[in-house]
Amino acid sequence: MEAITKTRKIGGSLMVTIPRNIVEKEGLIENQIIKIEIEKIRKSGFGLHKGLVPFTKEDAFKGQLEK
């Protein structure tokens, strides 16, 4: 199974939480040894500046040529 989760710092270690639906489906119990594969996910910047209009040629030189 696959899930996306955040890391949390506890003491000097990083911890991850396994979602309940995965725990139930896989029949996991406390103190069981499991294998976890790690893959970093890049955050997408898509939609970050919603409503911001594109720069024009005039905007590129605004303030640089004015005295």
C-alpha atoms as a PDB file:
ATOM      1  CA  MET A   1       0.000   0.000   0.000  1.00  0.00           C
ATOM      2  CA  GLU A   2       1.008   3.595  -0.433  1.00  0.00           C
ATOM      3  CA  ALA A   3       0.242   6.731   1.579  1.00  0.00           C
ATOM      4  CA  ILE A   4       1.521  10.293   1.820  1.00  0.00           C
ATOM      5  CA  THR A   5       2.282  11.477   5.345  1.00  0.00           C
ATOM      6  CA  LYS A   6       4.352  14.142   7.122  1.00  0.00           C
ATOM      7  CA  THR A   7       7.378  13.600   9.312  1.00  0.00           C
ATOM      8  CA  ARG A   8       7.355  14.792  12.930  1.00  0.00           C
ATOM      9  CA  LYS A   9      10.335  15.362  15.180  1.00  0.00           C
ATOM     10  CA  ILE A  10      10.239  13.517  18.502  1.00  0.00           C
ATOM     11  CA  GLY A  11      13.427  13.853  20.512  1.00  0.00           C
ATOM     12  CA  GLY A  12      16.308  13.393  18.084  1.00  0.00           C
ATOM     13  CA  SER A  13      14.318  11.220  15.643  1.00  0.00           C
ATOM     14  CA  LEU A  14      11.812  11.773  12.870  1.00  0.00           C
ATOM     15  CA  MET A  15       8.572   9.823  13.094  1.00  0.00           C
ATOM     16  CA  VAL A  16       5.827   9.093  10.567  1.00  0.00           C
ATOM     17  CA  THR A  17       2.267   8.044  11.256  1.00  0.00           C
ATOM     18  CA  ILE A  18       0.741   5.136   9.354  1.00  0.00           C
ATOM     19  CA  PRO A  19      -2.884   5.944   8.471  1.00  0.00           C
ATOM     20  CA  ARG A  20      -5.544   3.831  10.219  1.00  0.00           C
ATOM     21  CA  ASN A  21      -6.956   2.373   6.998  1.00  0.00           C
ATOM     22  CA  ILE A  22      -3.527   0.950   6.110  1.00  0.00           C
ATOM     23  CA  VAL A  23      -3.011  -0.402   9.641  1.00  0.00           C
ATOM     24  CA  GLU A  24      -6.368  -2.202   9.476  1.00  0.00           C
ATOM     25  CA  LYS A  25      -5.980  -3.469   5.904  1.00  0.00           C
ATOM     26  CA  GLU A  26      -2.448  -4.806   6.495  1.00  0.00           C
ATOM     27  CA  GLY A  27      -3.265  -6.131   9.986  1.00  0.00           C
ATOM     28  CA  LEU A  28      -0.372  -4.218  11.590  1.00  0.00           C
ATOM     29  CA  ILE A  29       0.162  -4.360  15.342  1.00  0.00           C
ATOM     30  CA  GLU A  30       2.386  -2.507  17.798  1.00  0.00           C
ATOM     31  CA  ASN A  31       6.087  -3.509  17.895  1.00  0.00           C
ATOM     32  CA  GLN A  32       5.838  -5.319  14.549  1.00  0.00           C
ATOM     33  CA  ILE A  33       8.825  -5.019  12.217  1.00  0.00           C
ATOM     34  CA  ILE A  34       7.882  -3.544   8.836  1.00  0.00           C
ATOM     35  CA  LYS A  35       9.727  -2.224   5.782  1.00  0.00           C
ATOM     36  CA  ILE A  36       9.159   1.386   4.692  1.00  0.00           C
ATOM     37  CA  GLU A  37      10.338   2.896   1.402  1.00  0.00           C
ATOM     38  CA  ILE A  38      11.097   6.638   1.447  1.00  0.00           C
ATOM     39  CA  GLU A  39      10.443   9.023  -1.453  1.00  0.00           C
ATOM     40  CA  LYS A  40      10.543  12.788  -1.011  1.00  0.00           C
ATOM     41  CA  ILE A  41       7.628  14.642  -2.592  1.00  0.00           C
ATOM     42  CA  ARG A  42       8.224  18.083  -4.063  1.00  0.00           C
ATOM     43  CA  LYS A  43       5.597  20.670  -3.311  1.00  0.00           C
ATOM     44  CA  SER A  44       3.988  22.127  -6.398  1.00  0.00           C
ATOM     45  CA  GLY A  45       3.927  25.908  -6.709  1.00  0.00           C
ATOM     46  CA  PHE A  46       0.940  25.708  -9.042  1.00  0.00           C
ATOM     47  CA  GLY A  47      -1.760  28.151  -7.936  1.00  0.00           C
ATOM     48  CA  LEU A  48       0.470  29.721  -5.301  1.00  0.00           C
ATOM     49  CA  HIS A  49      -0.043  33.276  -6.576  1.00  0.00           C
ATOM     50  CA  LYS A  50      -3.652  33.014  -7.652  1.00  0.00           C
ATOM     51  CA  GLY A  51      -4.951  36.254  -9.189  1.00  0.00           C
ATOM     52  CA  LEU A  52      -1.501  37.705  -9.888  1.00  0.00           C
ATOM     53  CA  VAL A  53      -1.343  39.105 -13.415  1.00  0.00           C
ATOM     54  CA  PRO A  54       1.697  38.467 -15.627  1.00  0.00           C
ATOM     55  CA  PHE A  55       4.406  41.128 -15.904  1.00  0.00           C
ATOM     56  CA  THR A  56       4.422  43.372 -18.949  1.00  0.00           C
ATOM     57  CA  LYS A  57       7.423  44.959 -20.676  1.00  0.00           C
ATOM     58  CA  GLU A  58       6.546  48.250 -18.963  1.00  0.00           C
ATOM     59  CA  ASP A  59       6.636  46.570 -15.538  1.00  0.00           C
ATOM     60  CA  ALA A  60      10.136  45.205 -16.190  1.00  0.00           C
ATOM     61  CA  PHE A  61      11.614  48.710 -16.465  1.00  0.00           C
ATOM     62  CA  LYS A  62       9.343  50.518 -14.007  1.00  0.00           C
ATOM     63  CA  GLY A  63      11.402  52.243 -11.317  1.00  0.00           C
ATOM     64  CA  GLN A  64      14.765  51.630 -12.985  1.00  0.00           C
ATOM     65  CA  LEU A  65      14.605  54.459 -15.504  1.00  0.00           C
ATOM     66  CA  GLU A  66      12.591  56.919 -13.409  1.00  0.00           C
ATOM     67  CA  LYS A  67      14.362  59.599 -11.371  1.00  0.00           C
END
